[in-house]
Amino acid sequence: MNKSQAIRKKCLECAGGSPKEVTLCPCINCTLWPYRFGHSMKDKRYEERMDKAKHKYPDEFQEVQRLISEQQNNG
């Protein structure tokens, strides 16, 4: 198992095995958060997954975006 796979496995474990919960994870201060999909935020797959979440779970997605914005404004 490589690092990316180990991070993905840990995130799924933390989220009770739910890929949806990994996608919409509110724990943005977690050091693993940017890599929770098994690849970095710079990867095209990250953007694709977040775009799907935006349309499939609009309310939850908006909350995660709010948390990210707050962190950026405070940090």
C-alpha atoms as a PDB file:
ATOM      1  CA  MET A   1       0.000   0.000   0.000  1.00  0.00           C
ATOM      2  CA  ASN A   2       1.412   3.385  -0.953  1.00  0.00           C
ATOM      3  CA  LYS A   3       0.972   6.661   0.976  1.00  0.00           C
ATOM      4  CA  SER A   4      -2.020   7.796  -1.037  1.00  0.00           C
ATOM      5  CA  GLN A   5      -3.816   4.516  -0.502  1.00  0.00           C
ATOM      6  CA  ALA A   6      -3.055   4.595   3.219  1.00  0.00           C
ATOM      7  CA  ILE A   7      -4.439   8.132   3.539  1.00  0.00           C
ATOM      8  CA  ARG A   8      -7.571   7.189   1.613  1.00  0.00           C
ATOM      9  CA  LYS A   9      -8.055   4.127   3.818  1.00  0.00           C
ATOM     10  CA  LYS A  10      -7.636   6.184   6.995  1.00  0.00           C
ATOM     11  CA  CYS A  11     -10.122   8.810   5.785  1.00  0.00           C
ATOM     12  CA  LEU A  12     -12.691   6.157   4.897  1.00  0.00           C
ATOM     13  CA  GLU A  13     -12.204   4.585   8.313  1.00  0.00           C
ATOM     14  CA  CYS A  14     -12.659   7.953  10.016  1.00  0.00           C
ATOM     15  CA  ALA A  15     -15.822   8.603   7.969  1.00  0.00           C
ATOM     16  CA  GLY A  16     -17.400   5.283   8.862  1.00  0.00           C
ATOM     17  CA  GLY A  17     -16.692   3.839   5.414  1.00  0.00           C
ATOM     18  CA  SER A  18     -18.735   6.503   3.617  1.00  0.00           C
ATOM     19  CA  PRO A  19     -17.147   8.005   0.484  1.00  0.00           C
ATOM     20  CA  LYS A  20     -19.734  10.808   0.686  1.00  0.00           C
ATOM     21  CA  GLU A  21     -18.537  11.712   4.179  1.00  0.00           C
ATOM     22  CA  VAL A  22     -14.924  11.682   3.005  1.00  0.00           C
ATOM     23  CA  THR A  23     -15.826  14.032   0.165  1.00  0.00           C
ATOM     24  CA  LEU A  24     -17.748  16.391   2.440  1.00  0.00           C
ATOM     25  CA  CYS A  25     -15.451  16.036   5.442  1.00  0.00           C
ATOM     26  CA  PRO A  26     -15.750  19.117   7.682  1.00  0.00           C
ATOM     27  CA  CYS A  27     -12.419  18.433   9.441  1.00  0.00           C
ATOM     28  CA  ILE A  28     -10.496  20.812   7.213  1.00  0.00           C
ATOM     29  CA  ASN A  29      -7.805  21.326   9.858  1.00  0.00           C
ATOM     30  CA  CYS A  30      -6.816  17.651   9.608  1.00  0.00           C
ATOM     31  CA  THR A  31      -3.408  17.280   7.990  1.00  0.00           C
ATOM     32  CA  LEU A  32      -4.811  14.497   5.778  1.00  0.00           C
ATOM     33  CA  TRP A  33      -7.806  16.520   4.558  1.00  0.00           C
ATOM     34  CA  PRO A  34      -6.216  17.797   1.319  1.00  0.00           C
ATOM     35  CA  TYR A  35      -5.301  14.209   0.376  1.00  0.00           C
ATOM     36  CA  ARG A  36      -8.490  12.448   1.526  1.00  0.00           C
ATOM     37  CA  PHE A  37      -9.341  11.208  -1.980  1.00  0.00           C
ATOM     38  CA  GLY A  38      -6.017   9.436  -2.358  1.00  0.00           C
ATOM     39  CA  HIS A  39      -4.543  12.219  -4.491  1.00  0.00           C
ATOM     40  CA  SER A  40      -3.721  15.885  -3.992  1.00  0.00           C
ATOM     41  CA  MET A  41      -5.984  18.880  -4.444  1.00  0.00           C
ATOM     42  CA  LYS A  42      -3.966  19.782  -7.554  1.00  0.00           C
ATOM     43  CA  ASP A  43      -5.043  16.583  -9.297  1.00  0.00           C
ATOM     44  CA  LYS A  44      -7.810  16.831 -11.896  1.00  0.00           C
ATOM     45  CA  ARG A  45      -9.620  13.934 -10.202  1.00  0.00           C
ATOM     46  CA  TYR A  46      -9.964  16.093  -7.075  1.00  0.00           C
ATOM     47  CA  GLU A  47     -11.737  18.830  -9.024  1.00  0.00           C
ATOM     48  CA  GLU A  48     -13.998  16.313 -10.753  1.00  0.00           C
ATOM     49  CA  ARG A  49     -15.024  14.750  -7.471  1.00  0.00           C
ATOM     50  CA  MET A  50     -15.751  18.095  -5.835  1.00  0.00           C
ATOM     51  CA  ASP A  51     -17.761  19.186  -8.875  1.00  0.00           C
ATOM     52  CA  LYS A  52     -19.901  16.058  -8.589  1.00  0.00           C
ATOM     53  CA  ALA A  53     -20.390  16.690  -4.872  1.00  0.00           C
ATOM     54  CA  LYS A  54     -21.395  20.282  -5.578  1.00  0.00           C
ATOM     55  CA  HIS A  55     -24.290  19.072  -7.715  1.00  0.00           C
ATOM     56  CA  LYS A  56     -25.215  15.950  -5.776  1.00  0.00           C
ATOM     57  CA  TYR A  57     -24.995  17.402  -2.237  1.00  0.00           C
ATOM     58  CA  PRO A  58     -25.395  21.173  -2.627  1.00  0.00           C
ATOM     59  CA  ASP A  59     -26.122  22.020   1.018  1.00  0.00           C
ATOM     60  CA  GLU A  60     -23.298  19.945   2.459  1.00  0.00           C
ATOM     61  CA  PHE A  61     -20.921  21.152  -0.240  1.00  0.00           C
ATOM     62  CA  GLN A  62     -21.752  24.762   0.562  1.00  0.00           C
ATOM     63  CA  GLU A  63     -20.990  24.151   4.252  1.00  0.00           C
ATOM     64  CA  VAL A  64     -17.569  22.692   3.433  1.00  0.00           C
ATOM     65  CA  GLN A  65     -16.849  25.664   1.173  1.00  0.00           C
ATOM     66  CA  ARG A  66     -17.835  28.001   4.008  1.00  0.00           C
ATOM     67  CA  LEU A  67     -15.423  26.264   6.371  1.00  0.00           C
ATOM     68  CA  ILE A  68     -12.604  26.507   3.816  1.00  0.00           C
ATOM     69  CA  SER A  69     -13.314  30.195   3.287  1.00  0.00           C
ATOM     70  CA  GLU A  70     -13.306  30.852   7.032  1.00  0.00           C
ATOM     71  CA  GLN A  71      -9.988  29.069   7.421  1.00  0.00           C
ATOM     72  CA  GLN A  72      -8.440  31.063   4.578  1.00  0.00           C
ATOM     73  CA  ASN A  73      -9.685  34.336   6.050  1.00  0.00           C
ATOM     74  CA  ASN A  74      -8.400  33.482   9.529  1.00  0.00           C
ATOM     75  CA  GLY A  75      -5.129  31.940   8.524  1.00  0.00           C
END
